[in-house]
Amino acid sequence: MRTLLTISLFLLIAQQCFSQKLSTEDYVKRYKDIAIHEMKRSGIPASITLAQGILESGSGNSKLAIDANNHFGIKCHKDWTGPKVYHDDDAKGECFRKYKSANESYLDHSNFLVGKKRYSLLFDLKKDDYVSWAHGLKKAGYATNPKYPELLIKLINEHELYLYDKGDIHYNILASNINGLRVYFAKSTESTLSIAHKNNISLRKLARINNWNKDYQPKEGDIIFLEKKKRQCPHNWHHADGNETLHEIAHKYGIKTKYLVKRNEKPANFVANKGEKISLRKKKRHKQKGPKYYTVKKGDTLYSISRSFQITVDELKRLNRLKSNMIKVGSKLKLH
């Protein structure tokens, strides 16, 4: 009987501990390092990211943050193909992105702002000008609440979040994921060998995963992938900032560079113009309409057939391995 009472009391205490709400101060302590890291990686002020996280997630206590690790209320949108949850917001049962960890939500928040053309105006602002950033987010259409800028500015001032825009970071970041893959954030004093040892992985494998050349030396905050990158990610497109290579974009999303090269028909060192769309996913094949074959009739020529089925003569010759324009009556030609 005493044992049952002891177990019941333990479970009650545990339940109360887990059900306690996270205070805003504790929320800031927990996520300030990832916010600073993302500021260095993407150029978004840490104060803005933290204030948005506090506001959108109720300091990490909202149902969306608890159930889906979604701290910024980012909805699915057309370009999201990752895990989803459905939650009542502006309308009933809206689709929201679901993440494996809160840190993955922070990473995707940065990619979301950097990757959308309508937010490009923000990156012309100073990194420590949180007032302009707050108003810029509203101007770009991030939130429908007319008081959104004032709410962010109030949170930043009340909790002195502007101090984190100075960039001091200790990298007490919990294990994070990008594209469902484990990543590690490098410290300034680390070598590639020490990173490999710390994460129980061979240096050769780590170099192969991250496409390091022999002269690579990690810089503070560099993202190191600990697992093989994938063919694609949950995003369809990336809008280039005008300074990044195709290889750097691929690394940002946890995609193997060779697949991005193939999809965009550009070399790995290609630098896209600001705002240019970079395809991140394999393009879906659309089913061709109309018949697959055509039987040649008297009087037909390759040109007349090409006009009838809206295909070029060269494509007809390629599909049917024809060396000349000569065709025989009764022969079947492949159309697609």
Foldseek 3Di string as FASTA:
>chain_A
DVVVVVVVVVVVVVVVVVLDDDDLVNLCVQCLQLLLLLCVVQVAASLLLSLQLCVQCVSQPRPCCVVFVQRRQAFQPPFFDADWFFCADVHHGGIHHGDPHVSQNSLVVSQVLQFDPLNLVLNVDHSLPLLVNQVSCVVSPVDPDPCRSVSSVVVCVVNVSSVSSVRDHDQPHDFDDFLNFTKGFDAAPDFLCVVCVVVVHDSVVQCVQLVDDPPDGDHGGDIGTPDHFAQAGRGFKGFAQQPDFLSRVCVSRRHDSVNQCVQQVHDRRDGDHGRDIRTGDDDDDDDDDDDQKDAAAPPDWLVVVCVVRVHDSVVQCVQVVNPDRDDDGGDMTGDD
